[in-house]
Amino acid sequence: MLLSALAGEDFKDEVAQSGCGQVEILALSSDSRKVVPGTLFFALTGVKADGASYARQAVENGAVAIVASHALDVSVPVVIVKDPRHFLALAAARHGGRQPETMVAVTGTAGKTSVASFTRQIWARAGHPAAQIGTTGVISPSRNDYGSLTTPDPISLHELLGALADEGVTHAAMEASSHGLDQHRLDGVRLAAAGFTNLGRDHMDYHPTVEDYMAAKMRLFRELLPKGAPAVIYADDVWSDEAIRVAREAGHQILTVGRKGTFLTLKRVEHSRHKQVAEIHHGDDIYEVHIPLAGDFQIANAVVAAGLAISTGVSVPVALKALEQLQGASGRLELVGQTKAGALAYVDYAHKPDALENVLQSVRPFTTGRVVVVFGCGGDRDKGKRPIMGEIATRLADIVIVTDDNPRSEVPETIRAEIMAATPKGIEIGDRAKAIREAVGMLGPGDTLIVAGKGHEEGQTIGTETHPFSDHVEVRKALEEMGR
């Protein structure tokens, strides 16, 4: 494809100025190590490195042109643009060309994975070949690939979307992280609808303030969702009004869901250990829906997903009936076992304050004994949330065990100490497997165990190495070893 075609109208002038519009481009890359002859190289400025430093290596490897934010001393043409990331995303979309016909994206601090999963499941129940893309990887009718990035880079994303379209997938739901939105990774995705779940403290190591964090989330509505398209917004969060304001100013169709919602109104919820019964109103119609998942936040995720499915063509009765067959996303308040005395053991991905608070509050109504929680905090991430999470655990759980999460390059003892400072009655056990065994050994009749923080993850990162580790495996192993 010619470089001028990849640029489109958005960067037509910049490419014309560079004089290389007729250069044939065979591949795109922002990693100089992956450049092959015929590649258009994007010199991106990152947190740890400036891609311009690798421009000469890219040329040596075969780059025929470079996109950068400033002039470079190289032997191939340089297209100078204000935002190379935006150019990369649009070029990746044009170079890939193929996407599922109906794409939706969901943003928010918590619930993105569940909403994407639930939306996929509703579409599938309605007869559509559907997929989801996000933190737990990619799931489609023919694949279930584990992943680690909430929002993939544009080149990988559009290669994936093309592969899904070739597979026959017509509907796909994806998570939109604040990093992904801020770094333009979703630019070029043709969205039919978008959703918002909630906003809490997260990624304060990346965003200067919570307001900046919210602004990054709102790029989904301000800039990416086509004008007039449906914006499905959970109405019961403290940031819901702001999301509604932004979406309305952008000219979208506002569909609110939840207890304060006007599109899908949640009127009544009855909680039990393994399911919830919800009364949902749509216009003059009333539906009683039996959702096979525990936790009030799962109801919130379910109605956002239903809103996205309905706004993209699924009938209301079919969408709400599909909620009765939902399977929870991996590591999201996932029941992984129980003792012979009936104590339940869950694994949950909660690794931020609001998420931990939600999951602990969700299990309290059906816990007749004690709530036991095992958790830690990741290294090289927002340090300010550590005492906050310690306070939440102390306030909402009966027994708190503080352990290691993914320490990364930080000293594990330091991370635990910062949590323990707000957890005066907490038990500190650094070895995560041992901490889980200790917690399982404490369980009595009516107790509930939450192992929080890692959820679906299959490894633990200590230093620069990631070692095999699964909370699911360790909980089941402890139950079996203790004959519980």
Protein backbone atom coordinates (compact mmCIF):
# COMPACT_ATOMS: atom_id res chain seq x y z
CA MET A 1 0.00 0.00 0.00
CA LEU A 2 1.28 3.47 -0.83
CA LEU A 3 2.20 5.70 2.09
CA SER A 4 -0.26 8.32 0.86
CA ALA A 5 -3.08 5.75 1.14
CA LEU A 6 -2.03 4.81 4.67
CA ALA A 7 -2.04 8.50 5.63
CA GLY A 8 -5.55 9.17 4.32
CA GLU A 9 -7.00 12.65 4.73
CA ASP A 10 -5.76 12.92 8.34
CA PHE A 11 -2.07 13.16 7.46
CA LYS A 12 -2.22 13.96 3.74
CA ASP A 13 -0.42 17.30 4.06
CA GLU A 14 2.41 15.97 6.22
CA VAL A 15 3.07 13.08 3.84
CA ALA A 16 2.97 15.42 0.84
CA GLN A 17 5.47 17.70 2.54
CA SER A 18 7.83 14.77 3.10
CA GLY A 19 7.74 13.91 -0.61
CA CYS A 20 7.41 10.17 0.01
CA GLY A 21 3.71 9.61 -0.61
CA GLN A 22 4.41 7.17 -3.46
CA VAL A 23 6.67 4.93 -1.36
CA GLU A 24 5.30 1.39 -1.21
CA ILE A 25 4.79 0.20 2.37
CA LEU A 26 4.82 -3.53 3.07
CA ALA A 27 4.74 -3.50 6.89
CA LEU A 28 4.35 -1.24 9.93
CA SER A 29 6.41 -1.30 13.12
CA SER A 30 7.24 0.77 16.18
CA ASP A 31 9.92 -1.72 17.25
CA SER A 32 13.18 -1.36 15.32
CA ARG A 33 14.02 -5.01 16.04
CA LYS A 34 10.97 -6.14 14.09
CA VAL A 35 11.61 -3.97 11.04
CA VAL A 36 11.92 -5.82 7.72
CA PRO A 37 12.56 -4.40 4.23
CA GLY A 38 9.66 -2.19 3.15
CA THR A 39 8.61 -1.19 6.67
CA LEU A 40 7.21 2.18 7.73
CA PHE A 41 8.80 2.78 11.15
CA PHE A 42 7.07 4.87 13.81
CA ALA A 43 9.45 6.58 16.24
CA LEU A 44 7.28 6.78 19.34
CA THR A 45 8.19 8.49 22.59
CA GLY A 46 7.54 6.11 25.47
CA VAL A 47 7.83 6.18 29.24
CA LYS A 48 11.28 4.61 29.23
CA ALA A 49 12.63 5.19 25.73
CA ASP A 50 12.39 7.46 22.69
CA GLY A 51 11.84 5.61 19.44
CA ALA A 52 13.87 8.24 17.60
CA SER A 53 16.96 6.72 19.23
CA TYR A 54 16.33 3.55 17.23
CA ALA A 55 15.64 5.20 13.87
CA ARG A 56 19.02 4.37 12.38
CA GLN A 57 18.72 0.74 13.46
CA ALA A 58 15.29 0.66 11.79
CA VAL A 59 16.80 2.01 8.56
CA GLU A 60 19.60 -0.57 8.70
CA ASN A 61 16.95 -3.28 9.03
CA GLY A 62 15.06 -2.06 5.97
CA ALA A 63 12.73 0.79 6.94
CA VAL A 64 11.85 2.82 3.83
CA ALA A 65 10.34 5.79 5.70
CA ILE A 66 9.91 7.00 9.27
CA VAL A 67 7.10 8.81 11.06
CA ALA A 68 8.32 11.01 13.92
CA SER A 69 7.44 14.14 15.85
CA HIS A 70 10.63 15.94 14.77
CA ALA A 71 13.33 15.84 12.11
CA LEU A 72 15.81 12.94 12.19
CA ASP A 73 19.26 12.50 10.69
CA VAL A 74 18.60 9.35 8.65
CA SER A 75 18.93 8.33 4.99
CA VAL A 76 15.20 7.73 4.36
CA PRO A 77 12.29 10.21 4.22
CA VAL A 78 10.82 11.34 7.54
CA VAL A 79 7.16 12.28 7.89
CA ILE A 80 6.90 14.81 10.72
CA VAL A 81 3.54 14.80 12.53
CA LYS A 82 2.33 16.18 15.84
CA ASP A 83 1.19 12.77 17.13
CA PRO A 84 2.88 9.69 15.62
CA ARG A 85 0.75 7.40 17.79
CA HIS A 86 -2.45 8.65 16.19
CA PHE A 87 -0.94 8.17 12.72
CA LEU A 88 0.16 4.64 13.67
CA ALA A 89 -3.33 3.63 14.84
CA LEU A 90 -5.05 4.95 11.71
CA ALA A 91 -2.39 3.43 9.45
CA ALA A 92 -2.73 0.08 11.20
CA ALA A 93 -6.49 0.17 10.61
CA ARG A 94 -6.07 0.99 6.92
CA HIS A 95 -3.26 -1.54 6.47
CA GLY A 96 -5.29 -4.28 8.18
CA GLY A 97 -8.53 -3.26 6.52
CA ARG A 98 -10.77 -5.90 8.06
CA GLN A 99 -12.73 -5.69 11.32
CA PRO A 100 -15.80 -7.45 12.70
CA GLU A 101 -18.89 -5.59 11.47
CA THR A 102 -20.06 -4.63 14.97
CA MET A 103 -17.45 -3.41 17.43
CA VAL A 104 -18.09 -2.05 20.93
CA ALA A 105 -15.65 -0.82 23.59
CA VAL A 106 -16.11 -0.43 27.33
CA THR A 107 -14.10 1.75 29.67
CA GLY A 108 -14.03 2.33 33.44
CA THR A 109 -11.86 1.35 36.37
CA ALA A 110 -13.54 -1.95 37.25
CA GLY A 111 -15.78 -4.32 35.34
CA LYS A 112 -14.36 -3.93 31.82
CA THR A 113 -13.42 -7.59 31.47
CA SER A 114 -16.78 -8.81 32.77
CA VAL A 115 -18.75 -6.42 30.56
CA ALA A 116 -16.80 -7.48 27.46
CA SER A 117 -17.30 -11.14 28.37
CA PHE A 118 -21.00 -10.74 29.12
CA THR A 119 -21.61 -8.78 25.92
CA ARG A 120 -19.94 -11.53 23.91
CA GLN A 121 -22.07 -14.15 25.64
CA ILE A 122 -25.32 -12.24 25.00
CA TRP A 123 -24.46 -11.82 21.32
CA ALA A 124 -23.66 -15.53 21.09
CA ARG A 125 -27.02 -16.41 22.65
CA ALA A 126 -28.63 -14.21 20.01
CA GLY A 127 -26.90 -16.21 17.28
CA HIS A 128 -24.01 -13.91 16.40
CA PRO A 129 -20.41 -15.21 16.03
CA ALA A 130 -18.84 -13.09 18.75
CA ALA A 131 -15.49 -12.36 20.38
CA GLN A 132 -13.99 -10.44 23.28
CA ILE A 133 -10.59 -8.76 23.60
CA GLY A 134 -9.06 -7.64 26.87
CA THR A 135 -7.18 -8.36 30.06
CA THR A 136 -7.82 -12.10 30.03
CA GLY A 137 -6.90 -12.41 26.35
CA VAL A 138 -9.02 -13.21 23.31
CA ILE A 139 -12.07 -15.46 23.22
CA SER A 140 -13.94 -16.26 20.01
CA PRO A 141 -15.84 -19.27 18.64
CA SER A 142 -12.53 -20.92 17.69
CA ARG A 143 -9.97 -19.57 20.15
CA ASN A 144 -9.32 -18.90 23.83
CA ASP A 145 -5.93 -17.22 24.01
CA TYR A 146 -4.54 -16.02 27.32
CA GLY A 147 -3.28 -12.45 27.26
CA SER A 148 -1.84 -9.77 29.51
CA LEU A 149 -2.58 -6.39 27.90
CA THR A 150 -5.99 -4.80 28.44
CA THR A 151 -5.71 -2.89 25.15
CA PRO A 152 -3.17 -4.26 22.62
CA ASP A 153 -0.92 -1.97 20.56
CA PRO A 154 -2.52 -0.80 17.27
CA ILE A 155 -0.55 -3.11 14.99
CA SER A 156 -1.32 -6.22 17.06
CA LEU A 157 -4.90 -5.08 17.56
CA HIS A 158 -5.67 -4.67 13.87
CA GLU A 159 -3.91 -7.91 12.96
CA LEU A 160 -6.18 -9.54 15.54
CA LEU A 161 -9.32 -7.82 14.28
CA GLY A 162 -8.48 -8.93 10.75
CA ALA A 163 -8.00 -12.52 11.92
CA LEU A 164 -11.33 -12.44 13.78
CA ALA A 165 -13.12 -11.08 10.72
CA ASP A 166 -11.53 -13.81 8.56
CA GLU A 167 -12.74 -16.37 11.10
CA GLY A 168 -16.29 -15.16 10.59
CA VAL A 169 -16.70 -13.13 13.77
CA THR A 170 -19.30 -10.41 13.21
CA HIS A 171 -19.48 -8.94 16.74
CA ALA A 172 -16.58 -8.10 19.07
CA ALA A 173 -16.39 -6.39 22.46
CA MET A 174 -13.13 -4.93 23.69
CA GLU A 175 -11.81 -3.25 26.81
CA ALA A 176 -10.60 0.33 26.53
CA SER A 177 -7.99 1.08 29.19
CA SER A 178 -6.94 4.61 30.10
CA HIS A 179 -3.43 3.84 28.84
CA GLY A 180 -4.81 2.50 25.57
CA LEU A 181 -7.05 5.51 25.06
CA ASP A 182 -4.37 8.03 26.04
CA GLN A 183 -1.88 6.36 23.71
CA HIS A 184 -4.35 6.24 20.78
CA ARG A 185 -4.32 2.44 20.54
CA LEU A 186 -8.05 2.29 19.70
CA ASP A 187 -7.99 5.06 17.09
CA GLY A 188 -9.13 3.46 13.84
CA VAL A 189 -11.47 0.91 15.43
CA ARG A 190 -14.93 1.37 13.90
CA LEU A 191 -17.19 1.46 16.95
CA ALA A 192 -20.96 0.88 16.92
CA ALA A 193 -21.42 1.64 20.65
CA ALA A 194 -19.39 2.27 23.80
CA GLY A 195 -19.90 1.77 27.53
CA PHE A 196 -18.78 3.24 30.87
CA THR A 197 -18.82 1.31 34.16
CA ASN A 198 -17.31 3.40 36.98
CA LEU A 199 -14.23 5.29 38.09
CA GLY A 200 -12.04 4.74 41.14
CA ARG A 201 -8.41 5.22 42.11
CA ASP A 202 -6.06 3.46 39.71
CA HIS A 203 -2.96 4.12 37.61
CA MET A 204 -1.90 7.10 39.69
CA ASP A 205 1.65 6.23 38.65
CA TYR A 206 0.66 7.22 35.09
CA HIS A 207 -2.05 9.89 35.41
CA PRO A 208 -1.23 13.02 37.47
CA THR A 209 -4.73 13.27 38.98
CA VAL A 210 -8.02 11.39 39.07
CA GLU A 211 -9.43 14.10 36.81
CA ASP A 212 -6.71 13.38 34.23
CA TYR A 213 -7.48 9.68 34.56
CA MET A 214 -11.18 10.35 33.87
CA ALA A 215 -10.32 12.62 30.94
CA ALA A 216 -8.29 9.81 29.36
CA LYS A 217 -11.25 7.45 29.77
CA MET A 218 -13.57 10.00 28.16
CA ARG A 219 -11.57 10.06 24.91
CA LEU A 220 -13.72 7.03 24.09
CA PHE A 221 -16.80 9.25 23.92
CA ARG A 222 -15.23 12.58 22.95
CA GLU A 223 -13.14 11.40 20.01
CA LEU A 224 -13.59 7.73 19.09
CA LEU A 225 -17.30 6.92 19.19
CA PRO A 226 -19.06 8.25 16.06
CA LYS A 227 -21.52 11.06 16.69
CA GLY A 228 -25.04 9.76 17.32
CA ALA A 229 -23.88 6.27 18.34
CA PRO A 230 -25.18 4.75 21.62
CA ALA A 231 -23.27 5.50 24.84
CA VAL A 232 -24.28 2.97 27.52
CA ILE A 233 -23.46 4.48 30.91
CA TYR A 234 -23.85 2.92 34.35
CA ALA A 235 -25.79 5.60 36.19
CA ASP A 236 -25.02 4.79 39.84
CA ASP A 237 -21.34 5.75 40.06
CA VAL A 238 -20.08 9.07 41.45
CA TRP A 239 -18.52 9.77 38.02
CA SER A 240 -21.60 8.80 36.01
CA ASP A 241 -22.86 12.37 35.63
CA GLU A 242 -19.52 13.45 34.18
CA ALA A 243 -19.57 10.56 31.71
CA ILE A 244 -23.13 11.49 30.71
CA ARG A 245 -22.12 15.13 30.26
CA VAL A 246 -19.18 14.26 28.02
CA ALA A 247 -21.20 11.80 25.95
CA ARG A 248 -24.06 14.28 25.54
CA GLU A 249 -21.70 17.08 24.46
CA ALA A 250 -20.21 14.69 21.90
CA GLY A 251 -23.67 14.16 20.43
CA HIS A 252 -24.23 10.53 21.40
CA GLN A 253 -27.43 8.64 22.17
CA ILE A 254 -27.35 8.36 25.98
CA LEU A 255 -28.56 5.03 27.40
CA THR A 256 -28.25 4.88 31.20
CA VAL A 257 -28.52 1.63 33.14
CA GLY A 258 -28.64 0.77 36.84
CA ARG A 259 -30.79 1.85 39.74
CA LYS A 260 -30.78 5.43 38.44
CA GLY A 261 -30.86 4.28 34.83
CA THR A 262 -33.66 5.21 32.45
CA PHE A 263 -32.93 2.69 29.67
CA LEU A 264 -32.58 -0.40 31.89
CA THR A 265 -33.74 0.37 35.42
CA LEU A 266 -32.71 -1.93 38.24
CA LYS A 267 -35.55 -1.94 40.77
CA ARG A 268 -34.88 -4.82 43.13
CA VAL A 269 -32.12 -7.36 43.79
CA GLU A 270 -32.22 -10.45 46.00
CA HIS A 271 -28.79 -11.88 46.88
CA SER A 272 -27.83 -15.48 47.59
CA ARG A 273 -24.57 -17.41 47.66
CA HIS A 274 -24.48 -18.45 44.03
CA LYS A 275 -26.97 -16.22 42.24
CA GLN A 276 -29.03 -13.03 42.33
CA VAL A 277 -32.58 -12.25 41.28
CA ALA A 278 -32.98 -8.84 39.68
CA GLU A 279 -36.08 -6.93 38.64
CA ILE A 280 -35.23 -4.91 35.54
CA HIS A 281 -37.55 -2.41 33.89
CA HIS A 282 -37.37 -1.39 30.23
CA GLY A 283 -40.03 1.13 29.37
CA ASP A 284 -43.34 -0.33 30.52
CA ASP A 285 -42.01 -3.90 30.57
CA ILE A 286 -40.80 -5.63 33.75
CA TYR A 287 -38.41 -8.60 33.70
CA GLU A 288 -37.40 -10.89 36.55
CA VAL A 289 -33.90 -12.09 35.78
CA HIS A 290 -32.04 -14.85 37.66
CA ILE A 291 -28.32 -14.09 37.28
CA PRO A 292 -26.06 -17.04 38.26
CA LEU A 293 -23.29 -14.86 39.74
CA ALA A 294 -22.61 -13.49 43.21
CA GLY A 295 -21.85 -9.85 43.92
CA ASP A 296 -23.81 -6.66 43.40
CA PHE A 297 -21.11 -5.37 41.04
CA GLN A 298 -21.85 -8.29 38.72
CA ILE A 299 -25.40 -7.00 38.36
CA ALA A 300 -23.95 -3.63 37.35
CA ASN A 301 -21.68 -5.31 34.79
CA ALA A 302 -24.58 -7.38 33.48
CA VAL A 303 -26.86 -4.40 32.81
CA VAL A 304 -24.08 -2.48 31.03
CA ALA A 305 -23.46 -5.54 28.84
CA ALA A 306 -27.18 -5.92 28.18
CA GLY A 307 -27.34 -2.26 27.21
CA LEU A 308 -24.48 -2.69 24.72
CA ALA A 309 -26.05 -5.81 23.22
CA ILE A 310 -29.50 -4.21 22.92
CA SER A 311 -28.04 -1.03 21.41
CA THR A 312 -26.38 -3.15 18.71
CA GLY A 313 -29.49 -5.02 17.67
CA VAL A 314 -30.33 -7.74 20.20
CA SER A 315 -33.95 -7.62 21.36
CA VAL A 316 -34.58 -6.75 25.00
CA PRO A 317 -36.20 -10.10 25.93
CA VAL A 318 -33.36 -12.08 24.31
CA ALA A 319 -30.65 -9.97 25.96
CA LEU A 320 -32.14 -10.16 29.46
CA LYS A 321 -32.89 -13.89 29.11
CA ALA A 322 -29.25 -14.42 28.13
CA LEU A 323 -28.18 -12.96 31.49
CA GLU A 324 -29.54 -16.12 33.14
CA GLN A 325 -26.88 -18.20 31.35
CA LEU A 326 -23.87 -15.98 32.06
CA GLN A 327 -20.54 -17.47 32.97
CA GLY A 328 -18.29 -15.21 35.04
CA ALA A 329 -15.06 -13.92 33.56
CA SER A 330 -11.97 -15.74 34.77
CA GLY A 331 -10.80 -14.50 38.16
CA ARG A 332 -13.77 -12.19 38.75
CA LEU A 333 -15.32 -13.33 42.05
CA GLU A 334 -14.81 -16.84 40.75
CA LEU A 335 -15.78 -19.68 43.07
CA VAL A 336 -12.90 -22.15 42.90
CA GLY A 337 -13.78 -24.48 45.73
CA GLN A 338 -15.37 -25.00 49.11
CA THR A 339 -14.64 -26.90 52.28
CA LYS A 340 -16.64 -29.90 53.42
CA ALA A 341 -18.18 -27.63 56.04
CA GLY A 342 -19.43 -25.32 53.30
CA ALA A 343 -16.98 -22.42 53.48
CA LEU A 344 -16.55 -20.83 50.04
CA ALA A 345 -13.22 -19.88 48.43
CA TYR A 346 -13.17 -17.24 45.69
CA VAL A 347 -10.45 -15.78 43.50
CA ASP A 348 -10.88 -12.17 42.40
CA TYR A 349 -8.78 -9.77 40.35
CA ALA A 350 -9.40 -6.86 42.75
CA HIS A 351 -6.09 -4.98 42.81
CA LYS A 352 -7.34 -1.44 43.37
CA PRO A 353 -9.22 0.11 46.32
CA ASP A 354 -12.74 0.33 44.87
CA ALA A 355 -12.57 -3.19 43.50
CA LEU A 356 -11.43 -4.65 46.83
CA GLU A 357 -14.18 -2.76 48.64
CA ASN A 358 -16.80 -3.97 46.17
CA VAL A 359 -15.85 -7.62 46.37
CA LEU A 360 -15.69 -7.67 50.18
CA GLN A 361 -19.05 -5.93 50.44
CA SER A 362 -20.55 -8.30 47.88
CA VAL A 363 -19.85 -11.48 49.85
CA ARG A 364 -20.93 -10.14 53.23
CA PRO A 365 -24.72 -10.58 52.68
CA PHE A 366 -24.41 -14.36 52.19
CA THR A 367 -21.56 -14.97 54.67
CA THR A 368 -22.89 -16.32 57.96
CA GLY A 369 -19.38 -16.71 59.41
CA ARG A 370 -16.22 -14.69 58.81
CA VAL A 371 -14.87 -12.99 55.70
CA VAL A 372 -11.19 -13.86 55.20
CA VAL A 373 -9.11 -11.97 52.65
CA VAL A 374 -5.63 -12.61 51.25
CA PHE A 375 -4.15 -9.78 49.19
CA GLY A 376 -1.10 -7.69 48.39
CA CYS A 377 -0.17 -4.80 46.10
CA GLY A 378 1.94 -4.76 42.95
CA GLY A 379 5.36 -3.19 42.78
CA ASP A 380 6.31 -0.34 40.44
CA ARG A 381 2.72 0.88 40.53
CA ASP A 382 0.67 3.45 42.45
CA LYS A 383 2.12 3.36 46.00
CA GLY A 384 -0.59 5.59 47.43
CA LYS A 385 -3.24 2.89 47.20
CA ARG A 386 -1.41 0.50 49.54
CA PRO A 387 -2.54 1.95 52.90
CA ILE A 388 -5.97 2.66 51.38
CA MET A 389 -6.41 -1.01 50.52
CA GLY A 390 -5.10 -2.01 53.94
CA GLU A 391 -7.76 0.14 55.61
CA ILE A 392 -10.51 -1.28 53.39
CA ALA A 393 -9.50 -4.85 54.15
CA THR A 394 -9.37 -4.15 57.90
CA ARG A 395 -12.78 -2.49 57.85
CA LEU A 396 -14.63 -5.04 55.73
CA ALA A 397 -12.97 -8.40 56.48
CA ASP A 398 -12.72 -10.32 59.74
CA ILE A 399 -9.30 -11.81 59.01
CA VAL A 400 -6.71 -10.06 56.81
CA ILE A 401 -3.61 -11.78 55.47
CA VAL A 402 -1.16 -9.47 53.66
CA THR A 403 1.07 -11.21 51.16
CA ASP A 404 3.03 -10.55 47.97
CA ASP A 405 1.32 -9.76 44.68
CA ASN A 406 3.75 -8.97 41.82
CA PRO A 407 6.62 -7.16 43.59
CA ARG A 408 8.45 -6.55 40.31
CA SER A 409 11.58 -4.44 41.00
CA GLU A 410 10.51 -3.30 44.48
CA VAL A 411 11.47 -4.91 47.78
CA PRO A 412 8.48 -7.11 48.77
CA GLU A 413 8.92 -6.39 52.49
CA THR A 414 8.59 -2.65 51.81
CA ILE A 415 5.33 -3.09 49.92
CA ARG A 416 3.88 -5.27 52.67
CA ALA A 417 4.96 -2.78 55.35
CA GLU A 418 3.12 0.04 53.57
CA ILE A 419 -0.06 -2.05 53.58
CA MET A 420 0.43 -3.29 57.15
CA ALA A 421 0.73 0.29 58.40
CA ALA A 422 -3.05 0.55 57.88
CA THR A 423 -3.78 -3.05 58.88
CA PRO A 424 -2.88 -3.24 62.59
CA LYS A 425 -4.51 -6.67 63.07
CA GLY A 426 -3.35 -8.07 59.76
CA ILE A 427 -1.25 -11.22 59.43
CA GLU A 428 1.83 -10.82 57.24
CA ILE A 429 2.91 -13.85 55.19
CA GLY A 430 5.15 -12.98 52.25
CA ASP A 431 5.00 -16.33 50.47
CA ARG A 432 1.70 -16.16 48.56
CA ALA A 433 1.21 -19.92 48.36
CA LYS A 434 1.79 -20.24 52.10
CA ALA A 435 -0.58 -17.33 52.77
CA ILE A 436 -3.31 -19.10 50.81
CA ARG A 437 -2.73 -22.36 52.68
CA GLU A 438 -2.92 -20.55 56.02
CA ALA A 439 -6.18 -18.87 55.00
CA VAL A 440 -7.77 -22.12 53.84
CA GLY A 441 -6.72 -23.75 57.11
CA MET A 442 -8.60 -21.08 59.08
CA LEU A 443 -11.92 -21.57 57.33
CA GLY A 444 -14.88 -22.70 59.42
CA PRO A 445 -18.58 -23.27 58.61
CA GLY A 446 -20.18 -20.25 56.94
CA ASP A 447 -16.85 -18.50 56.23
CA THR A 448 -15.92 -16.94 52.90
CA LEU A 449 -12.37 -16.63 51.58
CA ILE A 450 -11.36 -14.02 49.01
CA VAL A 451 -7.92 -14.35 47.43
CA ALA A 452 -7.59 -10.98 45.73
CA GLY A 453 -5.26 -9.20 43.36
CA LYS A 454 -4.13 -11.60 40.66
CA GLY A 455 -7.34 -13.18 39.42
CA HIS A 456 -6.77 -14.86 36.06
CA GLU A 457 -2.98 -14.34 36.07
CA GLU A 458 -0.80 -17.40 35.64
CA GLY A 459 2.47 -15.96 36.85
CA GLN A 460 4.05 -13.92 39.64
CA THR A 461 6.63 -11.30 38.67
CA ILE A 462 9.51 -11.01 41.12
CA GLY A 463 12.38 -8.78 39.99
CA THR A 464 12.58 -9.19 36.22
CA GLU A 465 11.39 -12.80 36.16
CA THR A 466 7.84 -14.11 36.00
CA HIS A 467 7.40 -17.43 37.75
CA PRO A 468 4.47 -19.81 37.16
CA PHE A 469 1.80 -19.08 39.77
CA SER A 470 -1.98 -19.37 39.87
CA ASP A 471 -4.26 -18.42 42.75
CA HIS A 472 -6.78 -20.94 41.40
CA VAL A 473 -4.24 -23.76 41.55
CA GLU A 474 -3.00 -22.83 45.02
CA VAL A 475 -6.52 -22.61 46.51
CA ARG A 476 -7.52 -25.99 45.07
CA LYS A 477 -4.22 -27.53 46.17
CA ALA A 478 -4.69 -26.26 49.73
CA LEU A 479 -8.26 -27.57 49.90
CA GLU A 480 -7.13 -30.97 48.65
CA GLU A 481 -4.04 -31.23 50.86
CA MET A 482 -6.03 -30.37 53.97
CA GLY A 483 -8.88 -32.65 53.04
CA ARG A 484 -11.20 -29.71 53.35
